[in-house]
Amino acid sequence: MFNPLKGLGEINELRKQAQALQNALKEILIVEEKGRARIELSADMKIHSVKINEEEYSDLRDALNDAIEKAQKRAAQKMQEMGGLGGLLGGK
């Protein structure tokens, strides 16, 4: 007999795994310096700091984070329109 609740348990487990991955990515900090510029961001694509000549540019940091978030949302919408990964890989 088909058990519809079994699928809910699997979905819940996938959510837990996704949350654990997201938390792990937040912990990874990348620092990149080029000339007088220094950027700090985490592996979850959140910019923590933008400095030029040791001066913090929080407005630039915020604008970059907003742009990244919008790009991620649009990418997710496009993937959904194309049927998820299956659509992107030709499996739709």
Protein backbone atom coordinates (compact mmCIF):
# COMPACT_ATOMS: atom_id res chain seq x y z
CA MET A 1 0.00 0.00 0.00
CA PHE A 2 1.22 3.50 -0.84
CA ASN A 3 2.23 5.53 2.21
CA PRO A 4 2.05 9.27 1.43
CA LEU A 5 3.70 10.14 4.75
CA LYS A 6 6.90 8.32 3.76
CA GLY A 7 7.61 11.03 1.20
CA LEU A 8 7.23 13.71 3.86
CA GLY A 9 9.95 12.08 5.93
CA GLU A 10 12.29 12.07 2.94
CA ILE A 11 11.52 15.72 2.19
CA ASN A 12 12.15 16.63 5.81
CA GLU A 13 15.51 14.83 5.70
CA LEU A 14 16.49 16.70 2.52
CA ARG A 15 15.57 19.99 4.19
CA LYS A 16 17.76 19.14 7.17
CA GLN A 17 20.66 18.31 4.88
CA ALA A 18 20.18 21.54 2.90
CA GLN A 19 20.09 23.57 6.14
CA ALA A 20 23.26 21.87 7.39
CA LEU A 21 25.01 22.67 4.10
CA GLN A 22 23.82 26.27 4.24
CA ASN A 23 25.14 26.63 7.80
CA ALA A 24 28.49 25.12 6.81
CA LEU A 25 28.82 27.55 3.87
CA LYS A 26 28.22 30.50 6.21
CA GLU A 27 31.27 29.43 8.21
CA ILE A 28 33.68 29.50 5.26
CA LEU A 29 35.22 32.98 4.94
CA ILE A 30 37.08 34.02 1.80
CA VAL A 31 39.32 37.08 1.80
CA GLU A 32 40.59 38.46 -1.50
CA GLU A 33 42.94 41.40 -1.91
CA LYS A 34 43.86 43.10 -5.16
CA GLY A 35 45.91 46.26 -4.97
CA ARG A 36 44.18 48.58 -2.53
CA ALA A 37 40.90 46.62 -2.45
CA ARG A 38 39.94 43.92 0.06
CA ILE A 39 36.75 41.83 -0.05
CA GLU A 40 35.53 39.41 2.59
CA LEU A 41 32.68 37.04 1.80
CA SER A 42 31.36 33.71 2.95
CA ALA A 43 30.84 30.68 0.75
CA ASP A 44 27.08 31.27 0.87
CA MET A 45 27.78 34.31 -1.34
CA LYS A 46 27.18 36.96 1.34
CA ILE A 47 29.65 39.85 1.23
CA HIS A 48 30.78 40.82 4.72
CA SER A 49 33.20 43.60 3.95
CA VAL A 50 34.34 45.83 1.07
CA LYS A 51 37.39 48.00 1.80
CA ILE A 52 39.45 50.25 -0.42
CA ASN A 53 42.53 51.87 1.13
CA GLU A 54 41.35 50.46 4.50
CA GLU A 55 38.09 52.46 4.20
CA GLU A 56 34.91 50.44 4.63
CA TYR A 57 32.25 50.82 1.92
CA SER A 58 29.10 49.44 3.53
CA ASP A 59 26.81 50.96 0.88
CA LEU A 60 28.73 49.10 -1.84
CA ARG A 61 28.62 45.89 0.24
CA ASP A 62 24.84 46.22 0.65
CA ALA A 63 24.30 46.94 -3.06
CA LEU A 64 26.39 43.92 -4.06
CA ASN A 65 24.50 41.64 -1.64
CA ASP A 66 21.17 42.90 -3.01
CA ALA A 67 22.32 42.30 -6.59
CA ILE A 68 23.51 38.77 -5.76
CA GLU A 69 20.19 37.98 -4.06
CA LYS A 70 18.20 39.21 -7.07
CA ALA A 71 20.38 37.20 -9.44
CA GLN A 72 19.88 34.05 -7.36
CA LYS A 73 16.09 34.55 -7.34
CA ARG A 74 15.99 35.05 -11.10
CA ALA A 75 18.17 31.98 -11.63
CA ALA A 76 15.80 29.94 -9.44
CA GLN A 77 12.80 31.24 -11.42
CA LYS A 78 14.47 30.31 -14.71
CA MET A 79 15.28 26.83 -13.43
CA GLN A 80 11.66 26.41 -12.35
CA GLU A 81 10.41 27.58 -15.76
CA MET A 82 12.70 25.07 -17.45
CA GLY A 83 11.57 22.22 -15.23
CA GLY A 84 14.41 22.24 -12.69
CA LEU A 85 17.67 20.50 -13.39
CA GLY A 86 15.96 17.96 -15.62
CA GLY A 87 14.96 20.73 -18.00
CA LEU A 88 18.45 22.16 -18.01
CA LEU A 89 19.96 18.77 -18.75
CA GLY A 90 17.49 17.93 -21.47
CA GLY A 91 15.50 15.47 -19.40
CA LYS A 92 12.15 17.30 -19.44
